[in-house]
Amino acid sequence: MSAVCLLAGSANRPLAEAVARDLGVAPAGSTVERFPDGELSVRIDESVRGREVFVVQPTAPPVNDHLVELLAFADACRRAAAARIVAVVPYFGYARADRRRGRRVPVAARMAADLMEAAGVDHVVTLDVHTPQVEGFFRIPVDNLSAIPLLCDAVRGRVAPDAVVVSPDLGAVGRAAQVAARLGLTTAVVHKRRLDGARVEAVQLIGEVRGRECLIVDDMVSTGATVAECIRVLTDGGALPGFVVAATHGVFSEGAAGRLADAGAREVVVTDTVAPAEGGPPPGVRVVSVAPLLATALDRLARDGSLQDLH
């Protein structure tokens, strides 16, 4: 792996360091400095000439800061004659802005893709991106890996044998179906209507949940509003109390964990694509690591191997 260089961005250093350990390499020396006026400066402290560089940097909150840092690292690698620059973006910010919902609004996911390419990124590795069509915004290879097997292993045995896997909105139906197939469970769907960026309203339950436990599956937990509203509808539908939530990305904006606990979630399982806040994950939240999955993918990329079974 001497021809490989792994750079750890500041968005989630513990994850980057865990990936490096699993790869059997040490993170390359680098410096990230933020000036009082908000400008960013990065420096790579060893040669990357002719090497394959993996830049591990989820664009998690603060999204703009971490995106610009990723771009700066890519630009530095390009100017230092790296052979290939792979952006490892376990959580892809702006993925929800995948289409115009009005006449004078941007498609910010495409904007982010264009910026990465312009900065010199040759390949993107992400994980359970919110909308798979984001891949189509790139003209470079994109590998969208899946954490579903990890989450299924984490919740197996923690819900009843006759539990129902619930999609909290229509967009997560395919994900819920994959989890249900792996666990041998049935599915239900809650149809929601988004009122604004922080509020949703569930309007319909499709499926039978009366007298059964529910496992709610989504790609991310941000404000917690979608899941909380889903729990309300499931409770009205006769579901048993003690809901389990499984999601790849634990963004947990302020108040989200408390909102889920108040709604009736007894356990929330997420991965470490987003670094937990200082002091660790919120109460009731269990974190499983995607470092082995990412390390496997990067090792195969370095050897020109297939990632088919990791999608």
Protein backbone atom coordinates (compact mmCIF):
# COMPACT_ATOMS: atom_id res chain seq x y z
CA MET A 1 0.00 0.00 0.00
CA SER A 2 3.05 2.31 -0.25
CA ALA A 3 1.58 3.94 -3.36
CA VAL A 4 -1.53 4.88 -1.34
CA CYS A 5 -1.90 8.02 0.75
CA LEU A 6 -4.83 8.63 3.11
CA LEU A 7 -5.63 12.17 4.18
CA ALA A 8 -7.89 12.68 7.19
CA GLY A 9 -10.06 15.77 6.95
CA SER A 10 -11.28 17.48 10.10
CA ALA A 11 -14.95 16.50 9.64
CA ASN A 12 -14.51 13.03 11.17
CA ARG A 13 -10.92 12.27 12.10
CA PRO A 14 -11.77 9.26 14.29
CA LEU A 15 -13.43 7.52 11.33
CA ALA A 16 -10.55 8.41 8.98
CA GLU A 17 -8.02 7.08 11.48
CA ALA A 18 -10.02 3.86 11.92
CA VAL A 19 -10.12 3.38 8.13
CA ALA A 20 -6.35 3.94 7.99
CA ARG A 21 -5.76 1.32 10.70
CA ASP A 22 -7.87 -1.22 8.85
CA LEU A 23 -5.95 -0.45 5.66
CA GLY A 24 -2.65 -0.86 7.46
CA VAL A 25 -1.43 2.67 6.69
CA ALA A 26 -0.86 5.78 8.76
CA PRO A 27 -2.79 8.95 7.87
CA ALA A 28 -0.57 11.33 5.96
CA GLY A 29 0.55 14.41 7.81
CA SER A 30 -1.57 17.45 7.06
CA THR A 31 -2.54 20.75 8.59
CA VAL A 32 -5.93 22.44 8.52
CA GLU A 33 -6.04 26.05 9.67
CA ARG A 34 -9.07 28.34 9.92
CA PHE A 35 -8.37 32.05 10.08
CA PRO A 36 -10.36 34.55 12.17
CA ASP A 37 -12.13 35.84 9.06
CA GLY A 38 -13.39 32.33 8.26
CA GLU A 39 -10.96 31.49 5.46
CA LEU A 40 -9.45 28.02 5.32
CA SER A 41 -5.92 26.85 4.63
CA VAL A 42 -4.76 23.24 4.24
CA ARG A 43 -1.27 21.82 3.80
CA ILE A 44 -0.14 18.27 2.99
CA ASP A 45 3.07 17.49 4.85
CA GLU A 46 4.41 14.65 2.68
CA SER A 47 4.77 13.92 -1.02
CA VAL A 48 1.74 12.67 -2.95
CA ARG A 49 3.41 12.75 -6.38
CA GLY A 50 2.34 9.74 -8.42
CA ARG A 51 0.32 8.30 -5.53
CA GLU A 52 -3.33 7.39 -5.15
CA VAL A 53 -4.80 9.70 -2.52
CA PHE A 54 -7.90 8.94 -0.46
CA VAL A 55 -9.33 12.07 1.16
CA VAL A 56 -11.71 11.00 3.94
CA GLN A 57 -14.05 13.91 4.55
CA PRO A 58 -17.83 13.63 5.07
CA THR A 59 -19.57 16.89 4.24
CA ALA A 60 -21.48 16.84 7.51
CA PRO A 61 -22.49 19.95 9.47
CA PRO A 62 -21.10 22.54 9.17
CA VAL A 63 -21.59 21.40 5.59
CA ASN A 64 -20.12 24.40 3.80
CA ASP A 65 -16.92 24.42 5.88
CA HIS A 66 -16.32 20.73 5.36
CA LEU A 67 -17.11 20.86 1.65
CA VAL A 68 -14.62 23.69 1.09
CA GLU A 69 -12.01 21.77 3.09
CA LEU A 70 -12.53 18.74 0.86
CA LEU A 71 -12.15 20.93 -2.23
CA ALA A 72 -8.99 22.50 -0.84
CA PHE A 73 -7.43 19.09 -0.16
CA ALA A 74 -8.32 17.93 -3.67
CA ASP A 75 -6.84 21.06 -5.22
CA ALA A 76 -3.65 20.66 -3.19
CA CYS A 77 -3.30 17.02 -4.29
CA ARG A 78 -3.91 17.90 -7.94
CA ARG A 79 -1.28 20.65 -7.88
CA ALA A 80 1.13 18.22 -6.16
CA ALA A 81 0.77 15.72 -9.07
CA ALA A 82 -1.19 12.96 -7.32
CA ALA A 83 -1.97 10.08 -9.68
CA ARG A 84 -5.62 9.77 -8.63
CA ILE A 85 -7.71 11.62 -6.03
CA VAL A 86 -10.54 9.67 -4.42
CA ALA A 87 -12.95 11.68 -2.29
CA VAL A 88 -14.30 9.42 0.45
CA VAL A 89 -17.49 11.21 1.48
CA PRO A 90 -19.39 8.85 3.81
CA TYR A 91 -22.09 11.46 4.36
CA PHE A 92 -22.82 13.55 1.25
CA GLY A 93 -24.20 16.93 2.23
CA TYR A 94 -26.64 18.63 -0.16
CA ALA A 95 -27.80 15.25 -1.49
CA ARG A 96 -31.39 16.18 -0.58
CA ALA A 97 -31.20 19.16 -2.95
CA ASP A 98 -31.36 16.88 -5.99
CA ARG A 99 -34.04 18.73 -7.97
CA ARG A 100 -35.72 22.11 -8.22
CA ARG A 101 -38.80 22.58 -6.06
CA GLY A 102 -39.46 26.00 -7.55
CA ARG A 103 -38.44 28.14 -10.49
CA ARG A 104 -35.62 30.17 -8.94
CA VAL A 105 -33.79 27.63 -6.77
CA PRO A 106 -30.53 25.73 -7.37
CA VAL A 107 -29.89 22.01 -7.71
CA ALA A 108 -27.28 22.13 -4.97
CA ALA A 109 -26.35 18.45 -5.24
CA ARG A 110 -25.25 19.04 -8.84
CA MET A 111 -23.42 22.17 -7.73
CA ALA A 112 -21.46 20.16 -5.14
CA ALA A 113 -20.64 17.52 -7.77
CA ASP A 114 -19.37 20.16 -10.20
CA LEU A 115 -17.20 21.72 -7.50
CA MET A 116 -15.59 18.38 -6.61
CA GLU A 117 -14.78 17.64 -10.22
CA ALA A 118 -13.42 21.15 -10.81
CA ALA A 119 -11.15 20.80 -7.77
CA GLY A 120 -9.60 17.66 -9.23
CA VAL A 121 -11.50 14.74 -7.67
CA ASP A 122 -11.27 11.66 -9.92
CA HIS A 123 -13.53 9.24 -8.04
CA VAL A 124 -16.12 9.54 -5.25
CA VAL A 125 -16.94 6.94 -2.63
CA THR A 126 -20.05 7.63 -0.57
CA LEU A 127 -22.45 5.67 1.61
CA ASP A 128 -26.24 5.41 1.37
CA VAL A 129 -26.53 8.75 -0.37
CA HIS A 130 -29.98 10.28 0.19
CA THR A 131 -30.95 10.17 -3.47
CA PRO A 132 -29.14 7.66 -5.73
CA GLN A 133 -29.60 9.92 -8.76
CA VAL A 134 -26.84 12.12 -7.31
CA GLU A 135 -24.47 9.70 -9.07
CA GLY A 136 -25.79 11.00 -12.37
CA PHE A 137 -24.61 14.53 -11.51
CA PHE A 138 -20.99 13.38 -11.78
CA ARG A 139 -18.98 12.66 -14.92
CA ILE A 140 -16.48 10.66 -12.84
CA PRO A 141 -16.94 7.23 -11.19
CA VAL A 142 -19.10 7.16 -8.06
CA ASP A 143 -19.40 4.19 -5.71
CA ASN A 144 -22.41 4.44 -3.39
CA LEU A 145 -21.82 1.76 -0.76
CA SER A 146 -24.51 0.31 1.51
CA ALA A 147 -24.54 0.13 5.31
CA ILE A 148 -27.72 -1.97 5.32
CA PRO A 149 -25.91 -5.24 6.16
CA LEU A 150 -24.21 -3.54 9.12
CA LEU A 151 -27.47 -2.10 10.42
CA CYS A 152 -29.27 -5.42 10.02
CA ASP A 153 -26.57 -7.17 12.07
CA ALA A 154 -26.88 -4.44 14.71
CA VAL A 155 -30.65 -4.81 15.17
CA ARG A 156 -30.99 -8.56 14.62
CA GLY A 157 -32.41 -10.09 17.79
CA ARG A 158 -33.39 -6.70 19.23
CA VAL A 159 -36.89 -6.71 17.73
CA ALA A 160 -39.61 -9.34 17.89
CA PRO A 161 -39.74 -12.11 15.25
CA ASP A 162 -43.04 -10.69 13.97
CA ALA A 163 -41.91 -7.03 13.97
CA VAL A 164 -42.71 -4.76 11.04
CA VAL A 165 -40.06 -2.80 9.16
CA VAL A 166 -41.47 0.67 8.55
CA SER A 167 -40.46 3.19 5.93
CA PRO A 168 -41.17 6.67 7.37
CA ASP A 169 -41.76 8.09 3.89
CA LEU A 170 -42.10 6.95 0.30
CA GLY A 171 -38.46 7.71 -0.45
CA ALA A 172 -37.21 5.05 1.98
CA VAL A 173 -39.44 2.21 0.74
CA GLY A 174 -36.67 0.43 -1.15
CA ARG A 175 -34.35 0.65 1.85
CA ALA A 176 -37.02 -0.74 4.20
CA ALA A 177 -37.71 -3.58 1.77
CA GLN A 178 -34.02 -4.55 1.74
CA VAL A 179 -33.88 -4.59 5.54
CA ALA A 180 -37.10 -6.62 5.75
CA ALA A 181 -35.78 -9.15 3.25
CA ARG A 182 -32.57 -9.61 5.23
CA LEU A 183 -34.38 -9.97 8.55
CA GLY A 184 -37.33 -11.99 7.25
CA LEU A 185 -39.90 -9.39 8.30
CA THR A 186 -42.86 -7.63 6.67
CA THR A 187 -43.06 -3.95 5.77
CA ALA A 188 -45.30 -0.93 6.19
CA VAL A 189 -45.06 2.61 4.83
CA VAL A 190 -45.98 5.99 6.28
CA HIS A 191 -46.72 8.65 3.68
CA LYS A 192 -45.60 12.10 4.82
CA ARG A 193 -45.93 15.67 3.63
CA ARG A 194 -43.06 18.08 4.29
CA LEU A 195 -44.22 21.45 5.60
CA ASP A 196 -40.77 23.08 5.70
CA GLY A 197 -37.14 22.18 6.44
CA ALA A 198 -37.88 21.19 10.03
CA ARG A 199 -41.55 20.11 10.04
CA VAL A 200 -43.35 17.19 8.44
CA GLU A 201 -46.86 15.81 8.63
CA ALA A 202 -47.65 12.10 8.26
CA VAL A 203 -50.88 11.63 6.36
CA GLN A 204 -51.32 7.90 5.70
CA LEU A 205 -50.23 4.48 7.01
CA ILE A 206 -50.01 1.64 4.50
CA GLY A 207 -49.69 -1.78 6.11
CA GLU A 208 -50.74 -3.60 9.28
CA VAL A 209 -48.89 -2.81 12.52
CA ARG A 210 -51.53 -3.40 15.20
CA GLY A 211 -50.16 -5.37 18.15
CA ARG A 212 -46.64 -5.57 16.68
CA GLU A 213 -43.26 -3.99 17.31
CA CYS A 214 -41.88 -1.65 14.65
CA LEU A 215 -38.38 -1.10 13.28
CA ILE A 216 -38.26 2.28 11.52
CA VAL A 217 -35.61 2.47 8.80
CA ASP A 218 -34.31 5.59 7.07
CA ASP A 219 -31.08 6.86 5.54
CA MET A 220 -30.57 9.62 8.11
CA VAL A 221 -31.80 11.17 11.32
CA SER A 222 -31.43 14.95 11.16
CA THR A 223 -34.11 16.88 13.07
CA GLY A 224 -35.94 13.70 14.10
CA ALA A 225 -39.23 15.21 12.92
CA THR A 226 -39.91 12.58 10.27
CA VAL A 227 -39.37 9.67 12.65
CA ALA A 228 -41.30 11.32 15.48
CA GLU A 229 -44.28 11.91 13.21
CA CYS A 230 -43.99 8.33 11.94
CA ILE A 231 -44.11 7.02 15.52
CA ARG A 232 -47.25 9.05 16.17
CA VAL A 233 -49.02 7.49 13.18
CA LEU A 234 -47.84 3.98 14.10
CA THR A 235 -49.05 4.44 17.67
CA ASP A 236 -52.43 5.58 16.38
CA GLY A 237 -52.42 2.45 14.23
CA GLY A 238 -52.06 0.19 17.27
CA ALA A 239 -48.31 -0.58 17.12
CA LEU A 240 -46.67 -1.71 20.36
CA PRO A 241 -44.60 0.87 22.25
CA GLY A 242 -40.81 0.74 22.23
CA PHE A 243 -39.82 1.66 18.68
CA VAL A 244 -36.38 0.88 17.27
CA VAL A 245 -34.91 3.25 14.68
CA ALA A 246 -32.07 2.34 12.31
CA ALA A 247 -30.43 4.90 10.03
CA THR A 248 -27.05 5.21 8.36
CA HIS A 249 -26.36 8.86 9.09
CA GLY A 250 -26.83 10.24 12.59
CA VAL A 251 -26.77 13.98 11.89
CA PHE A 252 -28.75 14.82 15.06
CA SER A 253 -29.33 18.54 14.77
CA GLU A 254 -30.07 20.28 18.05
CA GLY A 255 -32.95 18.66 19.94
CA ALA A 256 -33.27 15.66 17.60
CA ALA A 257 -32.33 12.96 20.12
CA GLY A 258 -34.71 14.34 22.73
CA ARG A 259 -37.49 14.58 20.15
CA LEU A 260 -37.07 10.88 19.32
CA ALA A 261 -36.99 9.84 22.97
CA ASP A 262 -40.09 11.88 23.73
CA ALA A 263 -41.86 10.32 20.75
CA GLY A 264 -41.24 6.80 22.07
CA ALA A 265 -38.04 5.52 20.43
CA ARG A 266 -36.36 3.09 22.83
CA GLU A 267 -33.20 2.73 20.73
CA VAL A 268 -31.67 4.50 17.75
CA VAL A 269 -28.93 2.72 15.79
CA VAL A 270 -26.73 4.77 13.46
CA THR A 271 -23.26 4.50 11.94
CA ASP A 272 -20.27 6.76 12.44
CA THR A 273 -20.42 8.47 9.02
CA VAL A 274 -21.09 11.68 10.97
CA ALA A 275 -18.84 12.32 13.94
CA PRO A 276 -20.80 12.40 17.21
CA ALA A 277 -20.88 15.62 19.15
CA GLU A 278 -18.29 16.18 21.85
CA GLY A 279 -19.09 13.88 24.74
CA GLY A 280 -20.22 11.00 22.56
CA PRO A 281 -23.56 9.96 21.09
CA PRO A 282 -26.79 11.11 22.76
CA PRO A 283 -28.50 8.82 25.29
CA GLY A 284 -30.36 5.97 23.65
CA VAL A 285 -28.21 6.11 20.50
CA ARG A 286 -25.95 3.19 19.54
CA VAL A 287 -23.23 3.68 16.93
CA VAL A 288 -21.76 1.00 14.66
CA SER A 289 -18.65 1.72 12.61
CA VAL A 290 -18.41 1.74 8.83
CA ALA A 291 -14.59 1.84 8.96
CA PRO A 292 -14.16 -1.84 7.97
CA LEU A 293 -16.56 -1.40 5.05
CA LEU A 294 -14.77 1.71 3.79
CA ALA A 295 -11.34 0.13 4.28
CA THR A 296 -12.41 -2.91 2.25
CA ALA A 297 -13.67 -0.66 -0.54
CA LEU A 298 -10.51 1.46 -0.63
CA ASP A 299 -8.26 -1.59 -0.57
CA ARG A 300 -10.10 -2.98 -3.59
CA LEU A 301 -9.93 0.36 -5.39
CA ALA A 302 -6.18 0.51 -4.84
CA ARG A 303 -5.92 -2.96 -6.39
CA ASP A 304 -8.43 -2.25 -9.19
CA GLY A 305 -10.84 -4.77 -7.67
CA SER A 306 -14.64 -4.93 -7.83
CA LEU A 307 -16.93 -3.22 -5.30
CA GLN A 308 -20.10 -4.84 -6.64
CA ASP A 309 -20.96 -6.75 -3.44
CA LEU A 310 -20.50 -3.61 -1.28
CA HIS A 311 -23.26 -1.61 -3.02
